[in-house]
Amino acid sequence: MWSTGCYIKKVALNAAYEKNDRHNIPVEVCVVGDRAAFIDIMLRHQITPQPTASLHQLMLLPDAHCGSAPR
C-alpha cells in the first residue's frame, strides 16, 4: 500500500526560511502518493499549496499568501 508524502530539496528548504524560522519564499515539493490528500493536509496546517503544470509537483507558498492565521 502506498502512503502519501513529499520530497523537498534540502537546499531549497533552507533557502525558503529566514533565521527566525519564517517561511519567506515558495518551496517546490514533489508529491508521492495521493496529491489531493497531501493538499488537504497542507491546507489544514495553514500551508498554501499552489499547483504546477506537473502532476507530481506543488509550490508551498509563504505565510503571506495564506488566508488565515496559523493555528
N, C-alpha and C. Protein backbone atom coordinates (compact mmCIF):
# COMPACT_ATOMS: atom_id res chain seq x y z
N MET A 1 0.84 -1.18 0.00
CA MET A 1 0.00 0.00 0.00
C MET A 1 0.89 1.25 0.00
N TRP A 2 0.55 2.19 -0.84
CA TRP A 2 1.30 3.44 -0.94
C TRP A 2 0.86 4.41 0.14
N SER A 3 1.79 5.18 0.63
CA SER A 3 1.44 6.27 1.54
C SER A 3 1.71 7.58 0.80
N THR A 4 1.20 8.65 1.37
CA THR A 4 1.37 9.96 0.75
C THR A 4 2.48 10.71 1.45
N GLY A 5 3.32 11.38 0.68
CA GLY A 5 4.41 12.15 1.25
C GLY A 5 4.97 13.08 0.21
N CYS A 6 6.13 13.65 0.53
CA CYS A 6 6.74 14.58 -0.42
C CYS A 6 8.26 14.54 -0.28
N TYR A 7 8.90 14.99 -1.33
CA TYR A 7 10.34 15.19 -1.34
C TYR A 7 10.60 16.67 -1.53
N ILE A 8 11.54 17.20 -0.76
CA ILE A 8 11.92 18.60 -0.87
C ILE A 8 13.44 18.66 -0.88
N LYS A 9 14.00 19.40 -1.80
CA LYS A 9 15.46 19.56 -1.81
C LYS A 9 15.86 20.35 -0.57
N LYS A 10 16.84 19.83 0.16
CA LYS A 10 17.27 20.47 1.41
C LYS A 10 17.75 21.90 1.17
N VAL A 11 18.47 22.13 0.08
CA VAL A 11 18.96 23.46 -0.25
C VAL A 11 17.79 24.43 -0.44
N ALA A 12 16.74 23.99 -1.13
CA ALA A 12 15.56 24.83 -1.37
C ALA A 12 14.82 25.10 -0.07
N LEU A 13 14.70 24.08 0.77
CA LEU A 13 14.02 24.24 2.06
C LEU A 13 14.78 25.22 2.95
N ASN A 14 16.09 25.08 3.03
CA ASN A 14 16.90 26.00 3.83
C ASN A 14 16.81 27.43 3.31
N ALA A 15 16.81 27.60 1.99
CA ALA A 15 16.74 28.93 1.39
C ALA A 15 15.38 29.59 1.61
N ALA A 16 14.34 28.79 1.79
CA ALA A 16 12.97 29.33 1.91
C ALA A 16 12.67 29.89 3.29
N TYR A 17 13.52 29.61 4.27
CA TYR A 17 13.26 30.05 5.64
C TYR A 17 14.33 31.01 6.13
N GLU A 18 13.86 32.06 6.83
CA GLU A 18 14.78 33.00 7.45
C GLU A 18 15.32 32.40 8.74
N LYS A 19 16.28 33.06 9.34
CA LYS A 19 16.87 32.56 10.59
C LYS A 19 15.84 32.47 11.72
N ASN A 20 14.77 33.28 11.66
CA ASN A 20 13.73 33.23 12.69
C ASN A 20 12.66 32.19 12.37
N ASP A 21 12.95 31.31 11.42
CA ASP A 21 12.07 30.22 11.00
C ASP A 21 10.82 30.67 10.27
N ARG A 22 10.83 31.86 9.72
CA ARG A 22 9.69 32.35 8.93
C ARG A 22 9.88 31.95 7.47
N HIS A 23 8.86 31.33 6.92
CA HIS A 23 8.85 30.90 5.52
C HIS A 23 8.73 32.16 4.66
N ASN A 24 9.73 32.43 3.79
CA ASN A 24 9.72 33.69 3.06
C ASN A 24 9.69 33.58 1.54
N ILE A 25 9.98 32.42 0.97
CA ILE A 25 9.86 32.23 -0.48
C ILE A 25 9.22 30.88 -0.76
N PRO A 26 8.55 30.73 -1.92
CA PRO A 26 7.92 29.44 -2.24
C PRO A 26 8.94 28.30 -2.29
N VAL A 27 8.47 27.12 -1.95
CA VAL A 27 9.30 25.91 -1.96
C VAL A 27 8.64 24.89 -2.88
N GLU A 28 9.41 24.35 -3.80
CA GLU A 28 8.90 23.31 -4.69
C GLU A 28 8.99 21.96 -3.99
N VAL A 29 7.90 21.20 -4.05
CA VAL A 29 7.88 19.86 -3.46
C VAL A 29 7.42 18.87 -4.52
N CYS A 30 7.92 17.67 -4.43
CA CYS A 30 7.49 16.57 -5.28
C CYS A 30 6.60 15.68 -4.44
N VAL A 31 5.34 15.54 -4.83
CA VAL A 31 4.38 14.77 -4.05
C VAL A 31 4.38 13.32 -4.53
N VAL A 32 4.39 12.40 -3.57
CA VAL A 32 4.34 10.97 -3.85
C VAL A 32 3.05 10.44 -3.22
N GLY A 33 2.27 9.74 -4.00
CA GLY A 33 1.02 9.19 -3.47
C GLY A 33 -0.16 10.05 -3.86
N ASP A 34 -1.08 10.21 -2.95
CA ASP A 34 -2.35 10.90 -3.19
C ASP A 34 -2.17 12.42 -3.10
N ARG A 35 -2.09 13.09 -4.25
CA ARG A 35 -1.86 14.53 -4.30
C ARG A 35 -2.99 15.30 -3.60
N ALA A 36 -4.23 14.90 -3.80
CA ALA A 36 -5.37 15.58 -3.16
C ALA A 36 -5.28 15.48 -1.64
N ALA A 37 -4.89 14.32 -1.14
CA ALA A 37 -4.74 14.14 0.32
C ALA A 37 -3.61 15.02 0.84
N PHE A 38 -2.51 15.12 0.10
CA PHE A 38 -1.40 15.96 0.51
C PHE A 38 -1.83 17.43 0.56
N ILE A 39 -2.56 17.88 -0.46
CA ILE A 39 -3.05 19.26 -0.49
C ILE A 39 -3.96 19.52 0.70
N ASP A 40 -4.83 18.59 1.01
CA ASP A 40 -5.74 18.74 2.16
C ASP A 40 -4.96 18.87 3.46
N ILE A 41 -3.94 18.07 3.62
CA ILE A 41 -3.11 18.14 4.84
C ILE A 41 -2.42 19.49 4.94
N MET A 42 -1.86 19.97 3.84
CA MET A 42 -1.20 21.27 3.86
C MET A 42 -2.19 22.38 4.23
N LEU A 43 -3.38 22.37 3.64
CA LEU A 43 -4.38 23.39 3.94
C LEU A 43 -4.81 23.35 5.40
N ARG A 44 -4.95 22.14 5.96
CA ARG A 44 -5.32 22.02 7.38
C ARG A 44 -4.26 22.60 8.30
N HIS A 45 -3.02 22.66 7.83
CA HIS A 45 -1.92 23.22 8.62
C HIS A 45 -1.57 24.65 8.18
N GLN A 46 -2.51 25.27 7.47
CA GLN A 46 -2.37 26.67 7.04
C GLN A 46 -1.17 26.88 6.12
N ILE A 47 -0.84 25.89 5.33
CA ILE A 47 0.22 25.99 4.33
C ILE A 47 -0.47 25.99 2.97
N THR A 48 -0.22 27.00 2.17
CA THR A 48 -0.90 27.14 0.89
C THR A 48 -0.13 26.44 -0.23
N PRO A 49 -0.70 25.34 -0.76
CA PRO A 49 -0.06 24.67 -1.90
C PRO A 49 -0.57 25.27 -3.20
N GLN A 50 0.33 25.50 -4.14
CA GLN A 50 -0.05 26.02 -5.45
C GLN A 50 0.29 24.97 -6.49
N PRO A 51 -0.71 24.51 -7.25
CA PRO A 51 -0.43 23.51 -8.28
C PRO A 51 0.52 24.05 -9.35
N THR A 52 1.24 23.15 -9.96
CA THR A 52 2.12 23.49 -11.09
C THR A 52 1.65 22.67 -12.29
N ALA A 53 2.32 22.80 -13.40
CA ALA A 53 1.96 22.05 -14.60
C ALA A 53 2.19 20.54 -14.40
N SER A 54 3.09 20.19 -13.51
CA SER A 54 3.40 18.78 -13.26
C SER A 54 2.40 18.18 -12.27
N LEU A 55 1.98 16.98 -12.52
CA LEU A 55 1.05 16.30 -11.60
C LEU A 55 1.70 15.93 -10.28
N HIS A 56 3.03 15.90 -10.25
CA HIS A 56 3.74 15.46 -9.04
C HIS A 56 4.41 16.60 -8.29
N GLN A 57 4.25 17.83 -8.75
CA GLN A 57 4.91 18.95 -8.08
C GLN A 57 3.91 20.00 -7.63
N LEU A 58 4.23 20.63 -6.52
CA LEU A 58 3.47 21.76 -5.97
C LEU A 58 4.46 22.79 -5.48
N MET A 59 4.01 24.01 -5.36
CA MET A 59 4.79 25.05 -4.70
C MET A 59 4.10 25.33 -3.37
N LEU A 60 4.84 25.30 -2.28
CA LEU A 60 4.30 25.66 -0.98
C LEU A 60 4.62 27.13 -0.76
N LEU A 61 3.57 27.94 -0.65
CA LEU A 61 3.73 29.38 -0.59
C LEU A 61 3.95 29.86 0.84
N PRO A 62 4.66 30.98 0.98
CA PRO A 62 4.91 31.56 2.31
C PRO A 62 3.61 31.98 3.00
N ASP A 63 3.69 32.21 4.30
CA ASP A 63 2.54 32.59 5.12
C ASP A 63 1.80 33.80 4.57
N ALA A 64 2.48 34.74 3.95
CA ALA A 64 1.85 35.95 3.44
C ALA A 64 0.73 35.61 2.44
N HIS A 65 0.82 34.45 1.79
CA HIS A 65 -0.19 34.04 0.82
C HIS A 65 -1.34 33.30 1.48
N CYS A 66 -1.21 32.97 2.74
CA CYS A 66 -2.22 32.20 3.45
C CYS A 66 -3.38 33.10 3.84
N GLY A 67 -4.59 32.60 3.75
CA GLY A 67 -5.76 33.40 4.03
C GLY A 67 -6.07 33.58 5.50
N SER A 68 -5.49 32.78 6.38
CA SER A 68 -5.82 32.89 7.79
C SER A 68 -4.58 32.70 8.65
N ALA A 69 -4.73 33.03 9.90
CA ALA A 69 -3.60 32.95 10.85
C ALA A 69 -3.29 31.50 11.19
N PRO A 70 -2.04 31.21 11.55
CA PRO A 70 -1.68 29.85 11.94
C PRO A 70 -2.47 29.41 13.16
N ARG A 71 -2.70 28.12 13.24
CA ARG A 71 -3.44 27.55 14.37
C ARG A 71 -2.56 27.33 15.56
